[in-house]
Amino acid sequence: MADTSFRYDPLTTAQEWKVAGRQVAIATVIETWGSAPCVPGSHLVIDRDANFEGSVSGGCVESEVISEAANVIDSGTAKILEFGVSDERAWSVGLSCGGRIRIYIESLV
């Protein structure tokens, strides 16, 4: 039987990185439709140097989210991204699972 006592928490990583003086953004899945690899509430933590922990799409759109997180860190303005199979960006970043996903990115102050 697998040990389920440890649960990875990207929000703990975000707090640790922030305390260490790193500029940090958190991306959160806020809505999904159809087939989506991560459920609402899933997190991806990104720092200014593009280091990251967690997942918002099982790898499908992470590169785009990481890129946008740098803009959010720089501007301090939160952003909502939406990806779906009808969205050209979705195909270019690999979201071909047939679903749609909305992701909220915010900078930690």
C-alpha atoms as a PDB file:
ATOM      1  CA  MET A   1       0.000   0.000   0.000  1.00  0.00           C
ATOM      2  CA  ALA A   2       1.337   3.451  -0.982  1.00  0.00           C
ATOM      3  CA  ASP A   3       2.205   6.020   1.670  1.00  0.00           C
ATOM      4  CA  THR A   4      -0.258   8.902   1.301  1.00  0.00           C
ATOM      5  CA  SER A   5       0.886  10.875   4.350  1.00  0.00           C
ATOM      6  CA  PHE A   6       2.901  13.362   2.238  1.00  0.00           C
ATOM      7  CA  ARG A   7       1.049  15.626  -0.147  1.00  0.00           C
ATOM      8  CA  TYR A   8       3.015  18.007  -2.349  1.00  0.00           C
ATOM      9  CA  ASP A   9       1.816  21.587  -1.947  1.00  0.00           C
ATOM     10  CA  PRO A  10       3.043  24.149  -4.479  1.00  0.00           C
ATOM     11  CA  LEU A  11       1.690  26.936  -2.251  1.00  0.00           C
ATOM     12  CA  THR A  12       4.244  25.942   0.385  1.00  0.00           C
ATOM     13  CA  THR A  13       6.929  26.259  -2.289  1.00  0.00           C
ATOM     14  CA  ALA A  14       5.584  29.724  -3.203  1.00  0.00           C
ATOM     15  CA  GLN A  15       5.828  30.811   0.423  1.00  0.00           C
ATOM     16  CA  GLU A  16       9.359  29.426   0.784  1.00  0.00           C
ATOM     17  CA  TRP A  17      10.504  31.131  -2.420  1.00  0.00           C
ATOM     18  CA  LYS A  18       8.955  34.444  -1.381  1.00  0.00           C
ATOM     19  CA  VAL A  19      10.605  34.301   2.065  1.00  0.00           C
ATOM     20  CA  ALA A  20      13.910  33.594   0.290  1.00  0.00           C
ATOM     21  CA  GLY A  21      13.503  36.875  -1.611  1.00  0.00           C
ATOM     22  CA  ARG A  22      12.438  35.476  -4.968  1.00  0.00           C
ATOM     23  CA  GLN A  23       9.805  37.220  -7.099  1.00  0.00           C
ATOM     24  CA  VAL A  24       6.947  34.743  -7.409  1.00  0.00           C
ATOM     25  CA  ALA A  25       3.720  34.258  -9.339  1.00  0.00           C
ATOM     26  CA  ILE A  26       1.052  31.635  -8.804  1.00  0.00           C
ATOM     27  CA  ALA A  27      -1.010  30.213 -11.649  1.00  0.00           C
ATOM     28  CA  THR A  28      -4.266  28.548 -10.614  1.00  0.00           C
ATOM     29  CA  VAL A  29      -6.693  26.500 -12.696  1.00  0.00           C
ATOM     30  CA  ILE A  30      -9.985  28.319 -12.194  1.00  0.00           C
ATOM     31  CA  GLU A  31     -12.203  26.494 -14.665  1.00  0.00           C
ATOM     32  CA  THR A  32     -12.151  23.501 -17.000  1.00  0.00           C
ATOM     33  CA  TRP A  33     -14.532  22.138 -19.620  1.00  0.00           C
ATOM     34  CA  GLY A  34     -14.404  18.692 -21.137  1.00  0.00           C
ATOM     35  CA  SER A  35     -11.178  16.744 -20.936  1.00  0.00           C
ATOM     36  CA  ALA A  36      -8.540  18.531 -18.856  1.00  0.00           C
ATOM     37  CA  PRO A  37      -5.551  16.937 -17.123  1.00  0.00           C
ATOM     38  CA  CYS A  38      -5.669  19.123 -13.983  1.00  0.00           C
ATOM     39  CA  VAL A  39      -8.679  20.003 -11.850  1.00  0.00           C
ATOM     40  CA  PRO A  40      -9.701  23.502 -10.751  1.00  0.00           C
ATOM     41  CA  GLY A  41      -7.548  24.558  -7.831  1.00  0.00           C
ATOM     42  CA  SER A  42      -4.359  23.044  -9.287  1.00  0.00           C
ATOM     43  CA  HIS A  43      -1.353  25.355  -8.971  1.00  0.00           C
ATOM     44  CA  LEU A  44       1.857  26.169 -10.799  1.00  0.00           C
ATOM     45  CA  VAL A  45       4.348  28.356  -8.922  1.00  0.00           C
ATOM     46  CA  ILE A  46       6.799  30.351 -11.038  1.00  0.00           C
ATOM     47  CA  ASP A  47       9.677  32.624 -10.046  1.00  0.00           C
ATOM     48  CA  ARG A  48      11.217  35.509 -12.011  1.00  0.00           C
ATOM     49  CA  ASP A  49      13.949  33.209 -13.338  1.00  0.00           C
ATOM     50  CA  ALA A  50      11.339  30.801 -14.804  1.00  0.00           C
ATOM     51  CA  ASN A  51      11.883  28.123 -12.163  1.00  0.00           C
ATOM     52  CA  PHE A  52       8.594  26.375 -11.494  1.00  0.00           C
ATOM     53  CA  GLU A  53       6.868  23.748  -9.355  1.00  0.00           C
ATOM     54  CA  GLY A  54       3.448  22.153  -9.763  1.00  0.00           C
ATOM     55  CA  SER A  55       1.207  21.878 -12.793  1.00  0.00           C
ATOM     56  CA  VAL A  56      -1.872  23.448 -14.344  1.00  0.00           C
ATOM     57  CA  SER A  57      -2.181  21.218 -17.398  1.00  0.00           C
ATOM     58  CA  GLY A  58       0.013  18.179 -17.057  1.00  0.00           C
ATOM     59  CA  GLY A  59       2.603  19.911 -19.251  1.00  0.00           C
ATOM     60  CA  CYS A  60       0.357  20.987 -22.124  1.00  0.00           C
ATOM     61  CA  VAL A  61       0.362  24.767 -21.593  1.00  0.00           C
ATOM     62  CA  GLU A  62       2.969  25.254 -18.875  1.00  0.00           C
ATOM     63  CA  SER A  63       5.494  26.990 -21.158  1.00  0.00           C
ATOM     64  CA  GLU A  64       2.941  29.637 -22.146  1.00  0.00           C
ATOM     65  CA  VAL A  65       1.864  30.103 -18.512  1.00  0.00           C
ATOM     66  CA  ILE A  66       5.488  30.445 -17.350  1.00  0.00           C
ATOM     67  CA  SER A  67       6.114  33.066 -20.035  1.00  0.00           C
ATOM     68  CA  GLU A  68       3.010  35.042 -19.046  1.00  0.00           C
ATOM     69  CA  ALA A  69       3.935  34.756 -15.353  1.00  0.00           C
ATOM     70  CA  ALA A  70       7.064  36.837 -16.032  1.00  0.00           C
ATOM     71  CA  ASN A  71       4.829  39.616 -17.399  1.00  0.00           C
ATOM     72  CA  VAL A  72       2.561  39.372 -14.357  1.00  0.00           C
ATOM     73  CA  ILE A  73       5.559  39.583 -12.001  1.00  0.00           C
ATOM     74  CA  ASP A  74       6.885  42.638 -13.873  1.00  0.00           C
ATOM     75  CA  SER A  75       3.571  44.481 -14.058  1.00  0.00           C
ATOM     76  CA  GLY A  76       1.966  43.337 -10.805  1.00  0.00           C
ATOM     77  CA  THR A  77      -1.279  42.953 -12.761  1.00  0.00           C
ATOM     78  CA  ALA A  78      -3.071  39.610 -12.584  1.00  0.00           C
ATOM     79  CA  LYS A  79      -4.119  37.914 -15.799  1.00  0.00           C
ATOM     80  CA  ILE A  80      -6.518  35.190 -16.932  1.00  0.00           C
ATOM     81  CA  LEU A  81      -5.465  32.880 -19.755  1.00  0.00           C
ATOM     82  CA  GLU A  82      -7.803  30.552 -21.603  1.00  0.00           C
ATOM     83  CA  PHE A  83      -6.774  27.619 -23.749  1.00  0.00           C
ATOM     84  CA  GLY A  84      -8.931  25.258 -25.796  1.00  0.00           C
ATOM     85  CA  VAL A  85      -8.759  23.185 -28.928  1.00  0.00           C
ATOM     86  CA  SER A  86     -10.319  25.985 -30.966  1.00  0.00           C
ATOM     87  CA  ASP A  87      -7.623  28.383 -29.753  1.00  0.00           C
ATOM     88  CA  GLU A  88      -4.574  28.480 -32.056  1.00  0.00           C
ATOM     89  CA  ARG A  89      -2.298  28.944 -29.041  1.00  0.00           C
ATOM     90  CA  ALA A  90      -3.678  25.746 -27.511  1.00  0.00           C
ATOM     91  CA  TRP A  91      -2.490  23.674 -30.452  1.00  0.00           C
ATOM     92  CA  SER A  92       0.867  25.411 -30.578  1.00  0.00           C
ATOM     93  CA  VAL A  93       1.490  24.772 -26.878  1.00  0.00           C
ATOM     94  CA  GLY A  94       0.087  21.247 -26.969  1.00  0.00           C
ATOM     95  CA  LEU A  95      -3.434  21.346 -25.480  1.00  0.00           C
ATOM     96  CA  SER A  96      -4.977  18.821 -27.812  1.00  0.00           C
ATOM     97  CA  CYS A  97      -6.932  16.839 -25.193  1.00  0.00           C
ATOM     98  CA  GLY A  98     -10.266  18.170 -26.417  1.00  0.00           C
ATOM     99  CA  GLY A  99     -10.980  20.344 -23.401  1.00  0.00           C
ATOM    100  CA  ARG A 100     -10.655  23.959 -22.381  1.00  0.00           C
ATOM    101  CA  ILE A 101      -8.925  25.462 -19.381  1.00  0.00           C
ATOM    102  CA  ARG A 102      -8.871  28.901 -17.710  1.00  0.00           C
ATOM    103  CA  ILE A 103      -5.869  29.861 -15.608  1.00  0.00           C
ATOM    104  CA  TYR A 104      -5.534  32.845 -13.256  1.00  0.00           C
ATOM    105  CA  ILE A 105      -1.993  34.167 -12.770  1.00  0.00           C
ATOM    106  CA  GLU A 106      -1.163  36.520  -9.913  1.00  0.00           C
ATOM    107  CA  SER A 107       2.043  37.907  -8.470  1.00  0.00           C
ATOM    108  CA  LEU A 108       2.805  37.460  -4.782  1.00  0.00           C
ATOM    109  CA  VAL A 109       3.503  40.763  -3.140  1.00  0.00           C
END
